[in-house]
Protein backbone atom coordinates (compact mmCIF):
# COMPACT_ATOMS: atom_id res chain seq x y z
CA UNK A 1 -31.11 -0.87 -32.07
CA UNK A 2 -34.23 0.04 -30.07
CA UNK A 3 -34.48 0.56 -26.31
CA UNK A 4 -37.69 0.33 -24.34
CA UNK A 5 -38.13 1.23 -20.70
CA UNK A 6 -41.36 0.11 -19.11
CA UNK A 7 -42.53 1.54 -15.79
CA UNK A 8 -45.58 0.21 -14.04
CA UNK A 9 -47.57 2.99 -12.39
CA UNK A 10 -47.01 3.49 -8.66
CA UNK A 11 -49.31 2.08 -5.98
CA UNK A 12 -52.78 3.55 -6.24
CA UNK A 13 -55.84 3.79 -4.04
CA UNK A 14 -58.97 1.68 -4.30
CA UNK A 15 -60.71 3.50 -1.45
CA UNK A 16 -62.49 6.36 -3.21
CA UNK A 17 -65.56 5.50 -5.29
CA UNK A 18 -63.98 6.51 -8.61
CA UNK A 19 -63.80 5.03 -12.05
CA UNK A 20 -60.63 2.98 -12.54
CA UNK A 21 -59.07 5.55 -14.87
CA UNK A 22 -59.42 8.25 -12.19
CA UNK A 23 -57.70 6.42 -9.32
CA UNK A 24 -54.89 8.46 -7.74
CA UNK A 25 -51.62 7.43 -6.09
CA UNK A 26 -51.32 6.46 -2.46
CA UNK A 27 -48.62 8.09 -0.34
CA UNK A 28 -46.66 4.82 -0.54
CA UNK A 29 -46.88 5.01 -4.34
CA UNK A 30 -45.56 8.58 -4.35
CA UNK A 31 -42.64 7.59 -2.10
CA UNK A 32 -41.83 4.51 -4.23
CA UNK A 33 -42.02 6.48 -7.49
CA UNK A 34 -39.55 9.04 -6.09
CA UNK A 35 -37.30 6.25 -4.81
CA UNK A 36 -37.11 4.40 -8.15
CA UNK A 37 -36.93 7.52 -10.32
CA UNK A 38 -34.02 8.81 -8.24
CA UNK A 39 -32.11 5.58 -8.93
CA UNK A 40 -32.43 5.36 -12.73
CA UNK A 41 -30.27 8.20 -14.04
CA UNK A 42 -27.45 5.83 -15.08
CA UNK A 43 -29.87 3.65 -17.04
CA UNK A 44 -31.57 6.16 -19.32
CA UNK A 45 -30.11 7.81 -22.42
CA UNK A 46 -29.87 11.54 -23.01
CA UNK A 47 -32.73 11.57 -25.52
CA UNK A 48 -35.95 9.59 -25.48
CA UNK A 49 -39.67 9.73 -26.03
CA UNK A 50 -41.84 9.55 -22.91
CA UNK A 51 -45.34 8.05 -23.20
CA UNK A 52 -47.92 7.60 -20.47
CA UNK A 53 -51.31 6.01 -20.15
CA UNK A 54 -54.08 8.55 -19.61
CA UNK A 55 -54.98 6.92 -16.28
CA UNK A 56 -54.42 9.33 -13.41
CA UNK A 57 -52.16 6.91 -11.50
CA UNK A 58 -49.92 6.39 -14.56
CA UNK A 59 -49.77 10.08 -15.44
CA UNK A 60 -48.94 11.02 -11.83
CA UNK A 61 -46.15 8.42 -11.85
CA UNK A 62 -44.84 9.78 -15.16
CA UNK A 63 -44.80 13.31 -13.73
CA UNK A 64 -42.77 12.21 -10.69
CA UNK A 65 -40.25 10.39 -12.89
CA UNK A 66 -40.04 13.30 -15.35
CA UNK A 67 -39.31 15.78 -12.58
CA UNK A 68 -36.64 13.57 -11.04
CA UNK A 69 -34.86 12.92 -14.35
CA UNK A 70 -35.20 16.56 -15.49
CA UNK A 71 -37.50 15.76 -18.41
CA UNK A 72 -39.83 18.63 -19.41
CA UNK A 73 -43.30 17.63 -18.24
CA UNK A 74 -44.90 19.40 -21.20
CA UNK A 75 -43.17 16.85 -23.47
CA UNK A 76 -44.90 13.83 -21.91
CA UNK A 77 -47.19 12.26 -24.50
CA UNK A 78 -50.41 10.88 -23.03
CA UNK A 79 -51.85 8.03 -25.05
CA UNK A 80 -55.35 6.71 -24.53
CA UNK A 81 -54.43 3.36 -26.08
CA UNK A 82 -51.86 2.80 -23.29
CA UNK A 83 -54.73 2.52 -20.82
CA UNK A 84 -54.68 -1.23 -21.35
CA UNK A 85 -54.08 -4.36 -19.33
CA UNK A 86 -53.59 -6.47 -22.47
CA UNK A 87 -50.03 -7.14 -23.66
CA UNK A 88 -51.19 -7.50 -27.28
CA UNK A 89 -52.59 -3.96 -27.25
CA UNK A 90 -49.41 -2.74 -25.53
CA UNK A 91 -47.30 -4.49 -28.18
CA UNK A 92 -49.37 -2.87 -30.94
CA UNK A 93 -48.79 0.61 -29.49
CA UNK A 94 -45.05 0.04 -29.04
CA UNK A 95 -44.63 -1.36 -32.53
CA UNK A 96 -46.34 1.75 -33.94
CA UNK A 97 -43.61 4.07 -32.61
CA UNK A 98 -41.82 6.28 -35.12
CA UNK A 99 -38.44 4.77 -35.99
CA UNK A 100 -36.75 8.15 -35.53
CA UNK A 101 -36.82 7.42 -31.81
CA UNK A 102 -34.27 4.94 -30.46
CA UNK A 103 -35.63 4.93 -26.90
CA UNK A 104 -39.14 5.06 -25.47
CA UNK A 105 -39.97 5.28 -21.78
CA UNK A 106 -43.52 4.09 -21.25
CA UNK A 107 -45.74 4.32 -18.14
CA UNK A 108 -48.53 1.78 -18.06
CA UNK A 109 -50.35 -1.04 -16.35
CA UNK A 110 -50.17 -4.67 -15.37
CA UNK A 111 -50.82 -7.40 -16.58
CA UNK A 112 -49.77 -5.85 -19.88
CA UNK A 113 -46.29 -4.84 -18.69
CA UNK A 114 -45.34 -8.12 -16.99
CA UNK A 115 -46.69 -10.19 -19.89
CA UNK A 116 -44.94 -7.99 -22.47
CA UNK A 117 -41.61 -8.28 -20.62
CA UNK A 118 -41.99 -12.05 -20.38
CA UNK A 119 -42.82 -12.34 -24.09
CA UNK A 120 -39.98 -10.12 -25.31
CA UNK A 121 -37.36 -10.38 -22.56
CA UNK A 122 -34.64 -12.99 -22.19
CA UNK A 123 -35.82 -14.23 -18.79
CA UNK A 124 -39.09 -14.42 -16.91
CA UNK A 125 -40.12 -11.91 -14.27
CA UNK A 126 -42.94 -13.30 -12.12
CA UNK A 127 -44.32 -9.79 -11.64
CA UNK A 128 -43.30 -6.22 -12.38
CA UNK A 129 -44.40 -4.48 -9.17
CA UNK A 130 -45.88 -1.01 -8.88
CA UNK A 131 -43.19 1.62 -9.62
CA UNK A 132 -41.16 -1.18 -11.23
CA UNK A 133 -38.62 -0.17 -13.91
CA UNK A 134 -37.60 -2.61 -16.66
CA UNK A 135 -35.14 -1.67 -19.41
CA UNK A 136 -35.18 -3.80 -22.58
CA UNK A 137 -32.93 -3.64 -25.62
CA UNK A 138 -33.73 -4.96 -29.10
CA UNK A 139 -31.28 -5.57 -31.94
CA UNK A 140 -33.84 -4.51 -34.54
CA UNK A 141 -33.77 -1.04 -36.10
CA UNK A 142 -37.54 -0.78 -36.56
CA UNK A 143 -40.07 -0.77 -33.77
CA UNK A 144 -42.49 -2.78 -35.89
CA UNK A 145 -40.09 -5.73 -36.00
CA UNK A 146 -38.84 -5.90 -32.40
CA UNK A 147 -38.40 -9.40 -31.00
CA UNK A 148 -36.16 -11.38 -28.66
CA UNK A 149 -35.15 -8.45 -26.50
CA UNK A 150 -32.65 -8.45 -23.69
CA UNK A 151 -33.49 -7.21 -20.21
CA UNK A 152 -30.69 -4.79 -19.33
CA UNK A 153 -31.86 -3.61 -15.92
CA UNK A 154 -34.70 -3.94 -13.46
CA UNK A 155 -35.19 -1.63 -10.51
CA UNK A 156 -38.00 -2.37 -8.08
CA UNK A 157 -38.87 -0.41 -4.91
CA UNK A 158 -38.05 -3.39 -2.65
CA UNK A 159 -34.49 -3.41 -4.07
CA UNK A 160 -33.96 0.14 -2.80
CA UNK A 161 -35.41 -0.12 0.71
């Protein structure tokens, strides 16, 4: 059985004249990331792999979550190929995971996350919002063959306010 937790990066700023990959979190994004990450402790296992896109907004979100769930920040794995908005690329990265790991927590981007959840989940989510947490479970024992997952839990900032 494989477990995948997808977290969309927190709300970021478009105001500074930066490249997309360098955009930082807004104060609202920081607050929402703390809010959601403080509410997930009952929905994550004791051991997992934590991957993040290299984008600044995703890595900052991953750091906030890691600190709030007591995960060593030096163990976060930053993956350039997670800086994608394409669910097919996201699927490729997820399916390449080492089978030794039962659970992966992944910090990434939309549209890839919402489209991935809707392809592999058992019901449709119109949108995974910024700081949104979606936990999926797959019956398969190999990441390369995951299909027909079940959405176990969603936690969105608006649910906690």
